[in-house]
C-alpha cells in the first residue's frame, strides 16, 4: 500500500527465502504452536526453487504447515 501511495506501484510478490528476489509461486501457511493459537497462521511465499527448503525448515521444527500452489491474495 505505501509503495502505491508514493507512486511506486506494487511489486510482484517475491520469495521469502533470505536473499531471493524471484517471483513467488507458492504459499506456505504455518504457525508456531507454542506461541500461536490454531486460528493464527503466518504466511511465507516461495519460488519453485525454495519451496522445498522453506517447507523442510518449518517441518524440522514440527510447526503445522500447509503448502499450496499460487500466492494467496494475488490478483
N, C-alpha and C. Protein backbone atom coordinates (compact mmCIF):
# COMPACT_ATOMS: atom_id res chain seq x y z
N UNK A 1 0.81 -1.18 0.00
CA UNK A 1 0.00 0.00 0.00
C UNK A 1 0.86 1.25 0.00
N UNK A 2 1.88 1.31 0.83
CA UNK A 2 2.72 2.51 0.91
C UNK A 2 3.40 2.77 -0.43
N UNK A 3 3.89 1.71 -1.08
CA UNK A 3 4.52 1.89 -2.38
C UNK A 3 3.58 2.52 -3.37
N UNK A 4 2.31 2.14 -3.33
CA UNK A 4 1.33 2.71 -4.24
C UNK A 4 1.08 4.17 -3.90
N UNK A 5 1.02 4.51 -2.61
CA UNK A 5 0.81 5.89 -2.20
C UNK A 5 1.96 6.79 -2.62
N UNK A 6 3.14 6.25 -2.65
CA UNK A 6 4.32 7.02 -3.02
C UNK A 6 4.57 7.00 -4.52
N UNK A 7 3.67 6.39 -5.27
CA UNK A 7 3.80 6.37 -6.72
C UNK A 7 4.67 5.25 -7.24
N UNK A 8 5.10 4.36 -6.38
CA UNK A 8 5.97 3.27 -6.80
C UNK A 8 5.23 2.07 -7.34
N UNK A 9 3.92 2.02 -7.12
CA UNK A 9 3.15 0.87 -7.56
C UNK A 9 3.44 -0.34 -6.69
N UNK A 10 2.82 -1.45 -7.04
CA UNK A 10 3.02 -2.68 -6.29
C UNK A 10 3.99 -3.58 -7.01
N UNK A 11 4.92 -4.15 -6.28
CA UNK A 11 5.83 -5.14 -6.86
C UNK A 11 5.15 -6.50 -6.80
N UNK A 12 5.57 -7.38 -7.68
CA UNK A 12 5.06 -8.75 -7.65
C UNK A 12 5.55 -9.41 -6.36
N UNK A 13 4.76 -10.27 -5.75
CA UNK A 13 5.20 -10.96 -4.53
C UNK A 13 6.48 -11.76 -4.79
N UNK A 14 7.42 -11.69 -3.86
CA UNK A 14 8.69 -12.38 -4.02
C UNK A 14 8.87 -13.45 -2.94
N UNK A 15 9.78 -14.34 -3.20
CA UNK A 15 10.11 -15.45 -2.31
C UNK A 15 10.57 -14.93 -0.95
N UNK A 16 10.18 -15.64 0.11
CA UNK A 16 10.56 -15.27 1.48
C UNK A 16 11.95 -15.76 1.88
N UNK A 17 12.58 -16.58 1.07
CA UNK A 17 13.93 -17.08 1.38
C UNK A 17 14.90 -15.91 1.38
N UNK A 18 15.71 -15.80 2.41
CA UNK A 18 16.67 -14.71 2.52
C UNK A 18 17.52 -14.59 1.27
N UNK A 19 17.59 -13.39 0.73
CA UNK A 19 18.43 -13.13 -0.43
C UNK A 19 17.81 -13.47 -1.77
N UNK A 20 16.64 -14.08 -1.77
CA UNK A 20 15.99 -14.47 -3.03
C UNK A 20 15.03 -13.36 -3.46
N UNK A 21 15.09 -13.02 -4.74
CA UNK A 21 14.21 -11.98 -5.28
C UNK A 21 13.34 -12.51 -6.41
N UNK A 22 13.23 -13.84 -6.49
CA UNK A 22 12.42 -14.46 -7.53
C UNK A 22 10.93 -14.30 -7.22
N UNK A 23 10.12 -14.37 -8.25
CA UNK A 23 8.67 -14.28 -8.08
C UNK A 23 8.16 -15.47 -7.27
N UNK A 24 7.27 -15.20 -6.35
CA UNK A 24 6.68 -16.27 -5.54
C UNK A 24 5.61 -17.00 -6.34
N UNK A 25 5.61 -18.33 -6.23
CA UNK A 25 4.62 -19.16 -6.90
C UNK A 25 3.94 -20.12 -5.93
N UNK A 26 4.32 -20.08 -4.66
CA UNK A 26 3.78 -20.96 -3.63
C UNK A 26 3.48 -20.15 -2.38
N UNK A 27 2.49 -20.61 -1.61
CA UNK A 27 2.19 -20.03 -0.30
C UNK A 27 2.38 -21.12 0.75
N UNK A 28 3.10 -20.79 1.82
CA UNK A 28 3.28 -21.71 2.94
C UNK A 28 2.63 -21.05 4.15
N UNK A 29 1.54 -21.65 4.62
CA UNK A 29 0.85 -21.17 5.82
C UNK A 29 1.34 -22.01 7.00
N UNK A 30 1.79 -21.36 8.06
CA UNK A 30 2.36 -22.10 9.18
C UNK A 30 2.09 -21.36 10.48
N UNK A 31 2.34 -22.06 11.59
CA UNK A 31 2.25 -21.43 12.90
C UNK A 31 3.18 -22.14 13.87
N UNK A 32 3.59 -21.42 14.88
CA UNK A 32 4.37 -21.98 15.97
C UNK A 32 3.37 -22.27 17.10
N UNK A 33 3.04 -23.55 17.34
CA UNK A 33 2.01 -23.86 18.32
C UNK A 33 2.35 -23.45 19.76
N UNK A 34 3.60 -23.18 20.03
CA UNK A 34 3.98 -22.74 21.38
C UNK A 34 3.56 -21.30 21.65
N UNK A 35 3.41 -20.51 20.59
CA UNK A 35 3.06 -19.10 20.80
C UNK A 35 1.83 -18.64 20.01
N UNK A 36 1.36 -19.43 19.06
CA UNK A 36 0.20 -19.05 18.25
C UNK A 36 -0.97 -19.99 18.49
N UNK A 37 -2.17 -19.43 18.55
CA UNK A 37 -3.37 -20.27 18.62
C UNK A 37 -3.60 -20.89 17.24
N UNK A 38 -4.50 -21.86 17.18
CA UNK A 38 -4.78 -22.55 15.91
C UNK A 38 -5.33 -21.60 14.85
N UNK A 39 -5.95 -20.50 15.27
CA UNK A 39 -6.52 -19.55 14.32
C UNK A 39 -5.47 -18.64 13.68
N UNK A 40 -4.34 -18.49 14.33
CA UNK A 40 -3.30 -17.58 13.82
C UNK A 40 -2.33 -18.34 12.94
N UNK A 41 -2.20 -17.89 11.70
CA UNK A 41 -1.23 -18.51 10.79
C UNK A 41 -0.39 -17.41 10.16
N UNK A 42 0.85 -17.71 9.95
CA UNK A 42 1.75 -16.81 9.25
C UNK A 42 1.89 -17.32 7.82
N UNK A 43 2.15 -16.43 6.90
CA UNK A 43 2.31 -16.81 5.50
C UNK A 43 3.71 -16.47 5.02
N UNK A 44 4.34 -17.44 4.42
CA UNK A 44 5.58 -17.23 3.70
C UNK A 44 5.29 -17.52 2.24
N UNK A 45 5.96 -16.80 1.38
CA UNK A 45 5.85 -17.03 -0.06
C UNK A 45 7.13 -17.67 -0.54
N UNK A 46 7.03 -18.52 -1.56
CA UNK A 46 8.21 -19.23 -2.04
C UNK A 46 8.21 -19.31 -3.56
N UNK A 47 9.41 -19.29 -4.12
CA UNK A 47 9.58 -19.57 -5.55
C UNK A 47 9.71 -21.09 -5.70
N UNK A 48 9.71 -21.56 -6.94
CA UNK A 48 9.82 -23.00 -7.18
C UNK A 48 11.11 -23.58 -6.60
N UNK A 49 12.19 -22.82 -6.65
CA UNK A 49 13.48 -23.33 -6.16
C UNK A 49 13.51 -23.50 -4.64
N UNK A 50 12.84 -22.63 -3.91
CA UNK A 50 12.97 -22.62 -2.45
C UNK A 50 11.77 -23.18 -1.68
N UNK A 51 10.71 -23.59 -2.35
CA UNK A 51 9.54 -24.10 -1.62
C UNK A 51 9.91 -25.31 -0.77
N UNK A 52 10.72 -26.20 -1.28
CA UNK A 52 11.15 -27.37 -0.52
C UNK A 52 11.99 -27.00 0.68
N UNK A 53 12.92 -26.07 0.49
CA UNK A 53 13.79 -25.63 1.59
C UNK A 53 12.96 -25.03 2.72
N UNK A 54 12.04 -24.12 2.38
CA UNK A 54 11.24 -23.47 3.41
C UNK A 54 10.30 -24.47 4.09
N UNK A 55 9.74 -25.39 3.32
CA UNK A 55 8.87 -26.42 3.90
C UNK A 55 9.66 -27.26 4.90
N UNK A 56 10.85 -27.71 4.52
CA UNK A 56 11.67 -28.54 5.41
C UNK A 56 12.14 -27.77 6.64
N UNK A 57 12.45 -26.49 6.49
CA UNK A 57 12.86 -25.65 7.60
C UNK A 57 11.77 -25.64 8.68
N UNK A 58 10.53 -25.46 8.26
CA UNK A 58 9.41 -25.42 9.21
C UNK A 58 9.07 -26.81 9.75
N UNK A 59 9.09 -27.81 8.88
CA UNK A 59 8.77 -29.18 9.30
C UNK A 59 9.78 -29.70 10.32
N UNK A 60 11.04 -29.33 10.18
CA UNK A 60 12.08 -29.77 11.12
C UNK A 60 11.81 -29.25 12.53
N UNK A 61 11.04 -28.18 12.64
CA UNK A 61 10.69 -27.60 13.93
C UNK A 61 9.31 -28.07 14.41
N UNK A 62 8.73 -29.01 13.67
CA UNK A 62 7.41 -29.56 13.99
C UNK A 62 6.31 -28.51 13.98
N UNK A 63 6.45 -27.49 13.14
CA UNK A 63 5.40 -26.49 13.01
C UNK A 63 4.34 -27.01 12.06
N UNK A 64 3.06 -26.90 12.44
CA UNK A 64 2.00 -27.26 11.49
C UNK A 64 2.08 -26.34 10.28
N UNK A 65 1.99 -26.92 9.09
CA UNK A 65 2.08 -26.10 7.89
C UNK A 65 1.24 -26.67 6.76
N UNK A 66 0.93 -25.79 5.83
CA UNK A 66 0.17 -26.17 4.63
C UNK A 66 0.81 -25.44 3.45
N UNK A 67 1.15 -26.20 2.42
CA UNK A 67 1.77 -25.62 1.23
C UNK A 67 0.77 -25.69 0.09
N UNK A 68 0.53 -24.55 -0.55
CA UNK A 68 -0.39 -24.51 -1.68
C UNK A 68 0.24 -23.80 -2.86
N UNK A 69 -0.08 -24.28 -4.04
CA UNK A 69 0.40 -23.63 -5.26
C UNK A 69 -0.32 -22.30 -5.41
N UNK A 70 0.41 -21.31 -5.89
CA UNK A 70 -0.16 -19.98 -6.06
C UNK A 70 0.14 -19.11 -4.86
N UNK A 71 -0.18 -17.84 -5.00
CA UNK A 71 0.09 -16.87 -3.95
C UNK A 71 -1.25 -16.34 -3.45
N UNK A 72 -1.53 -16.55 -2.16
CA UNK A 72 -2.78 -16.07 -1.57
C UNK A 72 -2.90 -14.57 -1.73
N UNK A 73 -4.07 -14.13 -2.17
CA UNK A 73 -4.33 -12.71 -2.30
C UNK A 73 -3.81 -12.09 -3.58
N UNK A 74 -3.10 -12.85 -4.40
CA UNK A 74 -2.60 -12.30 -5.66
C UNK A 74 -3.73 -12.23 -6.67
N UNK A 75 -3.72 -11.18 -7.45
CA UNK A 75 -4.77 -10.99 -8.46
C UNK A 75 -4.57 -11.92 -9.63
